[in-house]
Structures are given as C-alpha cells and as structure tokens.
Amino acid sequence: MHLKNTATHPSYLLLALFVGIVLAATLLISVVLAESASDYTALSHVNTAAPVQTRQVITINAPAAQVWRIMTDVNRWASWQKDISQPRMHDAFQAHNSFDWKSGGLSIHSTLSVVTPNRKIIWSGPALGSFAIHSWTFSEHDGVTEVEVRESMDGWLVRLARPIFQKGLDTSIVYWLQAMKQAAEPPVQ
C-alpha cells in the first residue's frame, strides 16, 4: 500500500498559512493591548514594587562636581560609555526635559524628573514592553564621590522575561559605573 503525503497538498499548505497569519495577528493585537494598558507614569523615585530592580554603588576618586559634569553631558555619553549610542539631550539638563539614547540597540526616550546639581538625578522612560526609572545619587567626602544607582523596571515584557532583564540590568549598571569611574578619575602616573 502506498501512502500519499497529504501535508504538502495545496489545501493543507493554505490552511497552515491561514493559521500562521491568525496566530501572528493575535500576537500583534496582544502586544498592542498590553502596551496600551501599561502605566508609564514618571515618578520621582524608583518603583519598589517593580519585578526588576538593582542597586549598585561605586567610589570615584574625583569631586562630585567633576562626576556631575560627566554624567550631565548626555551628548557625550557615548565617548566614555560604549554600550550607549546616539545620545541626544534636547534642551538644558533640568527637570521635565527629555533626551533620547540607545542602549544595546534599543531606542529609549527619557524624561528628567529630579535634577539637584551635584547631588541627585532621576529620569524615567519607556521602551517596548518596559518602563525604567533611574535614580543617581552623588555624595562627596574629602574630594571622593560615592555614586549610588537604583533602577527599577516594569512592564509586560519585563514581567514575561524577568530573569533576563534582571541579569541585563545588573550587568549594564555595573559597566556604566566602571566606565564613569574611568572617565572621571585622573590617569595614574
């Protein structure tokens, strides 16, 4: 007895194509609905209920004013922080102003909510499926600056892939702080 391969019959191929289109459309509609239901409200503090959070601290052998100048010169971030590309501050570095940048190829639009010169910066911004709040605190003691970064991430995609986002966030903030330290400290003779 000879069996026909019915899986390659044109009617099965059309059915498979139709099912694929329906599944893709369902996925797209789900993403659009999840994104529209997401709350991307800017806050003046990190979201302590967010599924992904980090806290990292580094000591930099430079005055807070020097570290502040490096951090607030958004347009030059890519010169010392190689994970960032195309940073662009649209106006003065002050609360309620925004900037755009890319990190890991992801386009991000951030808005400053707190700017206290030489002391504190908080900004937040959405990217597809996520909303991050960054808090930077600068404390100087005898010409040495401690920088503390707290960041929270929330959103449907973050909740879906929490372990991946957590690892990525921890790694990127440690790298950012190390790069800032290198940019701010005078070269060793």
N, C-alpha and C. Protein backbone atom coordinates (compact mmCIF):
# COMPACT_ATOMS: atom_id res chain seq x y z
N MET A 1 0.84 -1.17 0.00
CA MET A 1 0.00 0.00 0.00
C MET A 1 0.89 1.24 0.00
N HIS A 2 0.54 2.18 -0.82
CA HIS A 2 1.31 3.42 -0.96
C HIS A 2 0.53 4.57 -0.31
N LEU A 3 1.17 5.28 0.67
CA LEU A 3 0.51 6.40 1.35
C LEU A 3 0.91 7.70 0.70
N LYS A 4 -0.05 8.53 0.51
CA LYS A 4 0.20 9.86 -0.04
C LYS A 4 0.62 10.81 1.08
N ASN A 5 1.52 11.69 0.78
CA ASN A 5 1.92 12.72 1.75
C ASN A 5 0.94 13.88 1.61
N THR A 6 -0.06 13.90 2.50
CA THR A 6 -1.10 14.92 2.40
C THR A 6 -0.65 16.27 2.95
N ALA A 7 0.46 16.30 3.69
CA ALA A 7 0.93 17.55 4.30
C ALA A 7 1.39 18.55 3.25
N THR A 8 1.75 18.08 2.08
CA THR A 8 2.18 19.00 1.02
C THR A 8 1.06 19.33 0.04
N HIS A 9 -0.11 18.79 0.27
CA HIS A 9 -1.24 19.10 -0.60
C HIS A 9 -1.56 20.59 -0.50
N PRO A 10 -1.86 21.24 -1.61
CA PRO A 10 -2.10 22.70 -1.58
C PRO A 10 -3.13 23.16 -0.56
N SER A 11 -4.18 22.40 -0.33
CA SER A 11 -5.20 22.85 0.64
C SER A 11 -4.64 22.84 2.06
N TYR A 12 -3.73 21.90 2.40
CA TYR A 12 -3.10 21.89 3.72
C TYR A 12 -2.12 23.05 3.86
N LEU A 13 -1.43 23.35 2.80
CA LEU A 13 -0.49 24.48 2.84
C LEU A 13 -1.24 25.80 3.04
N LEU A 14 -2.36 25.95 2.36
CA LEU A 14 -3.18 27.16 2.54
C LEU A 14 -3.73 27.24 3.95
N LEU A 15 -4.15 26.11 4.51
CA LEU A 15 -4.66 26.09 5.88
C LEU A 15 -3.54 26.47 6.86
N ALA A 16 -2.37 25.92 6.66
CA ALA A 16 -1.23 26.23 7.54
C ALA A 16 -0.88 27.71 7.44
N LEU A 17 -0.90 28.27 6.24
CA LEU A 17 -0.62 29.69 6.05
C LEU A 17 -1.68 30.54 6.76
N PHE A 18 -2.95 30.16 6.63
CA PHE A 18 -4.04 30.88 7.28
C PHE A 18 -3.89 30.85 8.81
N VAL A 19 -3.59 29.68 9.36
CA VAL A 19 -3.41 29.54 10.81
C VAL A 19 -2.22 30.40 11.27
N GLY A 20 -1.14 30.40 10.50
CA GLY A 20 0.03 31.22 10.83
C GLY A 20 -0.31 32.70 10.85
N ILE A 21 -1.07 33.16 9.89
CA ILE A 21 -1.48 34.57 9.83
C ILE A 21 -2.37 34.92 11.01
N VAL A 22 -3.30 34.05 11.35
CA VAL A 22 -4.19 34.28 12.50
C VAL A 22 -3.38 34.35 13.80
N LEU A 23 -2.43 33.44 13.97
CA LEU A 23 -1.58 33.46 15.18
C LEU A 23 -0.74 34.73 15.25
N ALA A 24 -0.16 35.14 14.14
CA ALA A 24 0.66 36.36 14.11
C ALA A 24 -0.20 37.59 14.42
N ALA A 25 -1.40 37.64 13.85
CA ALA A 25 -2.29 38.78 14.12
C ALA A 25 -2.72 38.79 15.59
N THR A 26 -2.98 37.62 16.15
CA THR A 26 -3.35 37.52 17.57
C THR A 26 -2.21 38.01 18.46
N LEU A 27 -1.00 37.60 18.15
CA LEU A 27 0.17 38.04 18.90
C LEU A 27 0.33 39.56 18.80
N LEU A 28 0.21 40.10 17.60
CA LEU A 28 0.34 41.54 17.42
C LEU A 28 -0.73 42.31 18.20
N ILE A 29 -1.96 41.85 18.14
CA ILE A 29 -3.04 42.50 18.89
C ILE A 29 -2.78 42.41 20.39
N SER A 30 -2.29 41.27 20.86
CA SER A 30 -1.97 41.11 22.29
C SER A 30 -0.89 42.09 22.73
N VAL A 31 0.14 42.25 21.92
CA VAL A 31 1.23 43.19 22.24
C VAL A 31 0.69 44.62 22.27
N VAL A 32 -0.11 45.00 21.29
CA VAL A 32 -0.67 46.35 21.25
C VAL A 32 -1.55 46.60 22.47
N LEU A 33 -2.39 45.63 22.84
CA LEU A 33 -3.25 45.79 24.01
C LEU A 33 -2.43 45.87 25.30
N ALA A 34 -1.42 45.02 25.43
CA ALA A 34 -0.57 45.05 26.62
C ALA A 34 0.16 46.38 26.73
N GLU A 35 0.64 46.87 25.61
CA GLU A 35 1.37 48.15 25.61
C GLU A 35 0.42 49.30 25.96
N SER A 36 -0.79 49.29 25.41
CA SER A 36 -1.73 50.38 25.69
C SER A 36 -2.24 50.35 27.13
N ALA A 37 -2.23 49.17 27.76
CA ALA A 37 -2.70 49.05 29.15
C ALA A 37 -1.58 49.34 30.15
N SER A 38 -0.34 49.48 29.68
CA SER A 38 0.80 49.70 30.58
C SER A 38 0.79 51.13 31.11
N ASP A 39 1.16 51.26 32.37
CA ASP A 39 1.23 52.56 33.03
C ASP A 39 2.68 53.03 33.04
N TYR A 40 2.99 54.03 32.23
CA TYR A 40 4.34 54.56 32.14
C TYR A 40 4.40 55.95 32.79
N THR A 41 3.92 56.05 34.01
CA THR A 41 3.91 57.31 34.72
C THR A 41 5.29 57.59 35.30
N ALA A 42 5.83 58.75 34.98
CA ALA A 42 7.13 59.15 35.53
C ALA A 42 6.99 59.41 37.02
N LEU A 43 7.95 58.93 37.77
CA LEU A 43 7.95 59.11 39.22
C LEU A 43 9.22 59.81 39.66
N SER A 44 9.22 60.30 40.88
CA SER A 44 10.42 60.95 41.41
C SER A 44 11.21 59.98 42.30
N HIS A 45 10.94 58.69 42.17
CA HIS A 45 11.66 57.65 42.90
C HIS A 45 11.50 56.33 42.14
N VAL A 46 12.37 55.38 42.43
CA VAL A 46 12.25 54.08 41.76
C VAL A 46 10.99 53.38 42.25
N ASN A 47 10.53 52.46 41.44
CA ASN A 47 9.33 51.68 41.77
C ASN A 47 9.75 50.46 42.58
N THR A 48 9.55 50.50 43.89
CA THR A 48 9.98 49.40 44.75
C THR A 48 9.12 48.15 44.60
N ALA A 49 8.04 48.24 43.85
CA ALA A 49 7.20 47.07 43.58
C ALA A 49 7.51 46.45 42.21
N ALA A 50 8.44 47.04 41.48
CA ALA A 50 8.78 46.55 40.13
C ALA A 50 9.42 45.16 40.22
N PRO A 51 9.20 44.32 39.22
CA PRO A 51 9.77 42.97 39.24
C PRO A 51 11.29 42.93 39.04
N VAL A 52 11.85 43.98 38.46
CA VAL A 52 13.29 44.04 38.24
C VAL A 52 13.81 45.32 38.87
N GLN A 53 14.80 45.16 39.76
CA GLN A 53 15.40 46.30 40.45
C GLN A 53 16.88 46.03 40.67
N THR A 54 17.65 47.09 40.74
CA THR A 54 19.05 46.94 41.09
C THR A 54 19.48 48.12 41.94
N ARG A 55 20.52 47.89 42.70
CA ARG A 55 21.19 48.95 43.46
C ARG A 55 22.67 48.67 43.37
N GLN A 56 23.41 49.63 42.85
CA GLN A 56 24.85 49.47 42.69
C GLN A 56 25.51 50.75 43.21
N VAL A 57 26.70 50.60 43.80
CA VAL A 57 27.44 51.74 44.36
C VAL A 57 28.89 51.64 43.92
N ILE A 58 29.49 52.80 43.64
CA ILE A 58 30.91 52.83 43.32
C ILE A 58 31.52 54.08 43.96
N THR A 59 32.79 54.00 44.30
CA THR A 59 33.53 55.14 44.83
C THR A 59 34.46 55.63 43.72
N ILE A 60 34.38 56.93 43.46
CA ILE A 60 35.18 57.55 42.40
C ILE A 60 36.10 58.58 43.03
N ASN A 61 37.37 58.48 42.74
CA ASN A 61 38.37 59.41 43.28
C ASN A 61 38.38 60.71 42.49
N ALA A 62 37.28 61.44 42.62
CA ALA A 62 37.11 62.73 41.95
C ALA A 62 35.99 63.47 42.68
N PRO A 63 36.04 64.80 42.64
CA PRO A 63 34.97 65.59 43.28
C PRO A 63 33.62 65.37 42.60
N ALA A 64 32.56 65.55 43.36
CA ALA A 64 31.20 65.37 42.82
C ALA A 64 30.94 66.27 41.63
N ALA A 65 31.46 67.49 41.65
CA ALA A 65 31.24 68.42 40.53
C ALA A 65 31.80 67.86 39.22
N GLN A 66 32.94 67.20 39.30
CA GLN A 66 33.55 66.61 38.10
C GLN A 66 32.74 65.41 37.61
N VAL A 67 32.31 64.56 38.52
CA VAL A 67 31.48 63.40 38.15
C VAL A 67 30.15 63.90 37.57
N TRP A 68 29.59 64.93 38.19
CA TRP A 68 28.33 65.52 37.73
C TRP A 68 28.45 66.04 36.30
N ARG A 69 29.54 66.75 36.01
CA ARG A 69 29.74 67.28 34.65
C ARG A 69 29.74 66.16 33.62
N ILE A 70 30.40 65.07 33.93
CA ILE A 70 30.46 63.93 33.01
C ILE A 70 29.06 63.33 32.82
N MET A 71 28.36 63.14 33.92
CA MET A 71 27.04 62.50 33.87
C MET A 71 25.99 63.36 33.19
N THR A 72 26.06 64.66 33.37
CA THR A 72 25.02 65.54 32.81
C THR A 72 25.30 65.98 31.38
N ASP A 73 26.46 65.63 30.85
CA ASP A 73 26.77 65.94 29.45
C ASP A 73 26.30 64.76 28.59
N VAL A 74 24.99 64.63 28.49
CA VAL A 74 24.36 63.49 27.82
C VAL A 74 24.91 63.30 26.41
N ASN A 75 25.09 64.38 25.67
CA ASN A 75 25.53 64.27 24.28
C ASN A 75 26.90 63.61 24.14
N ARG A 76 27.66 63.53 25.22
CA ARG A 76 29.00 62.92 25.18
C ARG A 76 29.05 61.54 25.86
N TRP A 77 27.92 61.02 26.30
CA TRP A 77 27.91 59.72 26.97
C TRP A 77 28.62 58.64 26.17
N ALA A 78 28.36 58.60 24.88
CA ALA A 78 28.92 57.54 24.04
C ALA A 78 30.44 57.59 23.97
N SER A 79 31.05 58.72 24.32
CA SER A 79 32.51 58.82 24.28
C SER A 79 33.18 58.05 25.41
N TRP A 80 32.44 57.79 26.48
CA TRP A 80 33.04 57.05 27.61
C TRP A 80 32.22 55.82 28.02
N GLN A 81 30.98 55.73 27.58
CA GLN A 81 30.13 54.59 27.92
C GLN A 81 29.80 53.88 26.60
N LYS A 82 30.55 52.86 26.27
CA LYS A 82 30.48 52.23 24.94
C LYS A 82 29.20 51.44 24.68
N ASP A 83 28.39 51.16 25.70
CA ASP A 83 27.11 50.50 25.48
C ASP A 83 26.03 51.47 25.00
N ILE A 84 26.36 52.75 25.02
CA ILE A 84 25.39 53.78 24.63
C ILE A 84 25.77 54.35 23.28
N SER A 85 24.76 54.59 22.46
CA SER A 85 24.99 55.25 21.17
C SER A 85 23.91 56.30 20.95
N GLN A 86 24.24 57.26 20.14
CA GLN A 86 23.33 58.32 19.71
C GLN A 86 22.62 59.05 20.84
N PRO A 87 23.33 59.41 21.92
CA PRO A 87 22.66 60.18 22.99
C PRO A 87 22.40 61.61 22.52
N ARG A 88 21.24 62.12 22.85
CA ARG A 88 20.90 63.48 22.41
C ARG A 88 20.00 64.15 23.44
N MET A 89 20.56 65.14 24.13
CA MET A 89 19.79 65.95 25.08
C MET A 89 19.10 67.04 24.27
N HIS A 90 17.79 67.22 24.45
CA HIS A 90 17.02 68.14 23.62
C HIS A 90 16.99 69.56 24.14
N ASP A 91 17.34 69.75 25.39
CA ASP A 91 17.30 71.08 25.99
C ASP A 91 18.27 71.07 27.17
N ALA A 92 18.15 72.02 28.05
CA ALA A 92 19.03 72.06 29.22
C ALA A 92 18.79 70.84 30.11
N PHE A 93 19.82 70.43 30.84
CA PHE A 93 19.71 69.29 31.74
C PHE A 93 18.99 69.75 33.00
N GLN A 94 17.66 69.71 32.94
CA GLN A 94 16.83 70.12 34.08
C GLN A 94 15.54 69.32 34.06
N ALA A 95 14.87 69.32 35.21
CA ALA A 95 13.62 68.55 35.35
C ALA A 95 12.63 68.89 34.25
N HIS A 96 11.94 67.88 33.79
CA HIS A 96 10.89 67.92 32.78
C HIS A 96 11.43 67.96 31.35
N ASN A 97 12.74 68.06 31.17
CA ASN A 97 13.32 67.99 29.83
C ASN A 97 13.65 66.54 29.50
N SER A 98 13.80 66.26 28.22
CA SER A 98 13.99 64.87 27.80
C SER A 98 15.24 64.69 26.95
N PHE A 99 15.61 63.44 26.82
CA PHE A 99 16.73 63.08 25.96
C PHE A 99 16.46 61.70 25.36
N ASP A 100 17.11 61.45 24.24
CA ASP A 100 16.99 60.16 23.56
C ASP A 100 18.36 59.51 23.52
N TRP A 101 18.37 58.18 23.54
CA TRP A 101 19.62 57.44 23.51
C TRP A 101 19.33 56.00 23.15
N LYS A 102 20.38 55.28 22.81
CA LYS A 102 20.26 53.85 22.53
C LYS A 102 21.18 53.11 23.47
N SER A 103 20.68 52.01 23.98
CA SER A 103 21.47 51.14 24.84
C SER A 103 21.23 49.71 24.37
N GLY A 104 22.30 49.05 23.97
CA GLY A 104 22.14 47.70 23.45
C GLY A 104 21.29 47.65 22.21
N GLY A 105 21.27 48.75 21.44
CA GLY A 105 20.49 48.81 20.22
C GLY A 105 19.03 49.22 20.43
N LEU A 106 18.60 49.31 21.68
CA LEU A 106 17.22 49.67 22.00
C LEU A 106 17.09 51.18 22.11
N SER A 107 16.17 51.77 21.37
CA SER A 107 15.92 53.22 21.43
C SER A 107 15.13 53.56 22.67
N ILE A 108 15.61 54.58 23.41
CA ILE A 108 14.98 54.97 24.67
C ILE A 108 14.75 56.47 24.67
N HIS A 109 13.58 56.88 25.11
CA HIS A 109 13.24 58.30 25.29
C HIS A 109 13.04 58.51 26.79
N SER A 110 13.90 59.31 27.40
CA SER A 110 13.86 59.50 28.85
C SER A 110 13.51 60.95 29.19
N THR A 111 12.84 61.11 30.34
CA THR A 111 12.47 62.43 30.84
C THR A 111 13.01 62.59 32.25
N LEU A 112 13.68 63.70 32.46
CA LEU A 112 14.23 64.01 33.78
C LEU A 112 13.10 64.44 34.70
N SER A 113 13.06 63.89 35.92
CA SER A 113 12.05 64.31 36.88
C SER A 113 12.67 65.02 38.08
N VAL A 114 13.92 64.67 38.43
CA VAL A 114 14.61 65.33 39.54
C VAL A 114 16.03 65.64 39.09
N VAL A 115 16.43 66.89 39.25
CA VAL A 115 17.80 67.30 38.97
C VAL A 115 18.22 68.24 40.10
N THR A 116 19.07 67.74 40.99
CA THR A 116 19.61 68.52 42.09
C THR A 116 21.13 68.56 41.87
N PRO A 117 21.66 69.68 41.39
CA PRO A 117 23.07 69.74 40.98
C PRO A 117 24.03 69.14 42.01
N ASN A 118 24.92 68.30 41.48
CA ASN A 118 25.97 67.62 42.24
C ASN A 118 25.44 66.64 43.29
N ARG A 119 24.12 66.37 43.31
CA ARG A 119 23.53 65.51 44.34
C ARG A 119 22.67 64.37 43.79
N LYS A 120 21.70 64.71 42.90
CA LYS A 120 20.72 63.68 42.52
C LYS A 120 20.17 63.92 41.12
N ILE A 121 19.98 62.80 40.41
CA ILE A 121 19.33 62.80 39.09
C ILE A 121 18.35 61.63 39.08
N ILE A 122 17.13 61.90 38.64
CA ILE A 122 16.17 60.81 38.40
C ILE A 122 15.56 61.05 37.03
N TRP A 123 15.57 60.00 36.23
CA TRP A 123 14.88 60.05 34.95
C TRP A 123 14.13 58.75 34.74
N SER A 124 13.19 58.79 33.82
CA SER A 124 12.43 57.58 33.50
C SER A 124 12.09 57.59 32.03
N GLY A 125 11.76 56.41 31.53
CA GLY A 125 11.39 56.33 30.13
C GLY A 125 10.92 54.95 29.73
N PRO A 126 10.04 54.91 28.73
CA PRO A 126 9.54 53.64 28.21
C PRO A 126 10.36 53.14 27.03
N ALA A 127 10.35 51.86 26.86
CA ALA A 127 10.79 51.19 25.65
C ALA A 127 9.78 50.05 25.49
N LEU A 128 9.67 49.48 24.34
CA LEU A 128 8.64 48.48 24.08
C LEU A 128 8.55 47.47 25.21
N GLY A 129 7.40 47.43 25.87
CA GLY A 129 7.16 46.44 26.91
C GLY A 129 7.82 46.70 28.23
N SER A 130 8.44 47.87 28.39
CA SER A 130 9.13 48.14 29.64
C SER A 130 9.09 49.63 29.98
N PHE A 131 9.28 49.90 31.27
CA PHE A 131 9.38 51.28 31.76
C PHE A 131 10.42 51.27 32.86
N ALA A 132 11.46 52.08 32.69
CA ALA A 132 12.55 52.11 33.67
C ALA A 132 12.60 53.45 34.37
N ILE A 133 12.97 53.42 35.64
CA ILE A 133 13.20 54.63 36.43
C ILE A 133 14.63 54.51 36.97
N HIS A 134 15.45 55.51 36.64
CA HIS A 134 16.86 55.54 37.05
C HIS A 134 17.02 56.62 38.11
N SER A 135 17.69 56.29 39.20
CA SER A 135 17.98 57.26 40.26
C SER A 135 19.48 57.22 40.53
N TRP A 136 20.13 58.38 40.41
CA TRP A 136 21.57 58.52 40.63
C TRP A 136 21.78 59.49 41.78
N THR A 137 22.53 59.07 42.79
CA THR A 137 22.83 59.92 43.94
C THR A 137 24.35 60.07 44.05
N PHE A 138 24.80 61.31 44.22
CA PHE A 138 26.22 61.64 44.30
C PHE A 138 26.51 62.21 45.69
N SER A 139 27.44 61.58 46.42
CA SER A 139 27.80 62.04 47.77
C SER A 139 29.31 62.22 47.82
N GLU A 140 29.76 63.44 48.09
CA GLU A 140 31.19 63.71 48.13
C GLU A 140 31.69 63.81 49.57
N HIS A 141 32.85 63.20 49.83
CA HIS A 141 33.52 63.28 51.13
C HIS A 141 35.02 63.43 50.85
N ASP A 142 35.59 64.58 51.22
CA ASP A 142 37.02 64.82 51.05
C ASP A 142 37.50 64.61 49.62
N GLY A 143 36.75 65.11 48.65
CA GLY A 143 37.16 65.03 47.25
C GLY A 143 36.93 63.69 46.58
N VAL A 144 36.28 62.76 47.29
CA VAL A 144 35.96 61.44 46.75
C VAL A 144 34.43 61.33 46.67
N THR A 145 33.93 60.82 45.57
CA THR A 145 32.48 60.77 45.36
C THR A 145 31.97 59.34 45.34
N GLU A 146 30.95 59.10 46.14
CA GLU A 146 30.24 57.83 46.08
C GLU A 146 29.02 58.03 45.19
N VAL A 147 28.88 57.16 44.21
CA VAL A 147 27.73 57.22 43.31
C VAL A 147 26.89 55.98 43.56
N GLU A 148 25.63 56.21 43.89
CA GLU A 148 24.68 55.12 44.08
C GLU A 148 23.65 55.19 42.97
N VAL A 149 23.43 54.05 42.33
CA VAL A 149 22.42 53.95 41.28
C VAL A 149 21.37 52.96 41.74
N ARG A 150 20.13 53.38 41.65
CA ARG A 150 18.99 52.49 41.85
C ARG A 150 18.18 52.56 40.57
N GLU A 151 17.73 51.43 40.12
CA GLU A 151 16.90 51.41 38.93
C GLU A 151 15.82 50.35 39.08
N SER A 152 14.64 50.69 38.60
CA SER A 152 13.54 49.73 38.58
C SER A 152 13.03 49.61 37.15
N MET A 153 12.58 48.41 36.82
CA MET A 153 11.99 48.16 35.50
C MET A 153 10.69 47.39 35.69
N ASP A 154 9.68 47.82 34.96
CA ASP A 154 8.39 47.16 35.00
C ASP A 154 7.84 47.11 33.58
N GLY A 155 6.75 46.44 33.39
CA GLY A 155 6.11 46.35 32.08
C GLY A 155 5.85 44.89 31.73
N TRP A 156 4.99 44.69 30.75
CA TRP A 156 4.58 43.33 30.41
C TRP A 156 5.75 42.47 29.92
N LEU A 157 6.67 43.06 29.14
CA LEU A 157 7.79 42.28 28.64
C LEU A 157 8.78 41.97 29.76
N VAL A 158 8.98 42.92 30.67
CA VAL A 158 9.86 42.70 31.82
C VAL A 158 9.32 41.57 32.68
N ARG A 159 8.01 41.57 32.92
CA ARG A 159 7.40 40.51 33.74
C ARG A 159 7.51 39.15 33.04
N LEU A 160 7.41 39.17 31.73
CA LEU A 160 7.47 37.93 30.96
C LEU A 160 8.88 37.33 30.97
N ALA A 161 9.90 38.18 30.94
CA ALA A 161 11.29 37.71 30.86
C ALA A 161 12.13 38.27 32.01
N ARG A 162 11.58 38.22 33.21
CA ARG A 162 12.21 38.81 34.39
C ARG A 162 13.68 38.43 34.58
N PRO A 163 14.05 37.14 34.56
CA PRO A 163 15.45 36.79 34.80
C PRO A 163 16.42 37.41 33.78
N ILE A 164 15.99 37.46 32.55
CA ILE A 164 16.84 38.04 31.50
C ILE A 164 17.02 39.54 31.75
N PHE A 165 15.94 40.24 32.06
CA PHE A 165 16.02 41.68 32.33
C PHE A 165 16.85 41.96 33.59
N GLN A 166 16.68 41.13 34.63
CA GLN A 166 17.44 41.35 35.87
C GLN A 166 18.93 41.24 35.62
N LYS A 167 19.34 40.19 34.96
CA LYS A 167 20.77 39.99 34.67
C LYS A 167 21.30 41.13 33.79
N GLY A 168 20.55 41.49 32.78
CA GLY A 168 20.98 42.57 31.87
C GLY A 168 21.10 43.90 32.59
N LEU A 169 20.15 44.20 33.48
CA LEU A 169 20.19 45.46 34.21
C LEU A 169 21.38 45.50 35.16
N ASP A 170 21.57 44.44 35.94
CA ASP A 170 22.70 44.40 36.88
C ASP A 170 24.03 44.59 36.14
N THR A 171 24.20 43.87 35.06
CA THR A 171 25.44 43.94 34.28
C THR A 171 25.65 45.33 33.69
N SER A 172 24.60 45.92 33.13
CA SER A 172 24.76 47.22 32.47
C SER A 172 25.06 48.33 33.46
N ILE A 173 24.46 48.31 34.64
CA ILE A 173 24.72 49.37 35.62
C ILE A 173 26.14 49.25 36.18
N VAL A 174 26.60 48.04 36.43
CA VAL A 174 27.99 47.85 36.89
C VAL A 174 28.95 48.38 35.83
N TYR A 175 28.70 48.05 34.57
CA TYR A 175 29.56 48.53 33.48
C TYR A 175 29.52 50.06 33.40
N TRP A 176 28.32 50.64 33.49
CA TRP A 176 28.16 52.09 33.40
C TRP A 176 28.97 52.77 34.51
N LEU A 177 28.86 52.27 35.73
CA LEU A 177 29.60 52.87 36.85
C LEU A 177 31.11 52.73 36.66
N GLN A 178 31.57 51.58 36.20
CA GLN A 178 33.01 51.40 35.95
C GLN A 178 33.50 52.36 34.87
N ALA A 179 32.71 52.54 33.82
CA ALA A 179 33.07 53.47 32.74
C ALA A 179 33.10 54.91 33.25
N MET A 180 32.14 55.26 34.11
CA MET A 180 32.11 56.61 34.69
C MET A 180 33.34 56.84 35.55
N LYS A 181 33.70 55.86 36.35
CA LYS A 181 34.88 55.96 37.22
C LYS A 181 36.13 56.21 36.36
N GLN A 182 36.27 55.44 35.29
CA GLN A 182 37.42 55.60 34.41
C GLN A 182 37.44 56.98 33.75
N ALA A 183 36.28 57.48 33.38
CA ALA A 183 36.20 58.80 32.73
C ALA A 183 36.48 59.94 33.72
N ALA A 184 36.11 59.75 34.98
CA ALA A 184 36.20 60.84 35.96
C ALA A 184 37.54 60.91 36.67
N GLU A 185 38.16 59.76 36.88
CA GLU A 185 39.40 59.76 37.66
C GLU A 185 40.60 60.18 36.81
N PRO A 186 41.51 60.93 37.42
CA PRO A 186 42.72 61.30 36.67
C PRO A 186 43.56 60.06 36.37
N PRO A 187 44.24 60.05 35.21
CA PRO A 187 45.05 58.88 34.87
C PRO A 187 46.15 58.67 35.91
N VAL A 188 46.46 57.43 36.20
CA VAL A 188 47.51 57.08 37.15
C VAL A 188 48.85 57.27 36.45
N GLN A 189 49.75 57.99 37.11
CA GLN A 189 51.09 58.26 36.52
C GLN A 189 52.03 57.14 36.79
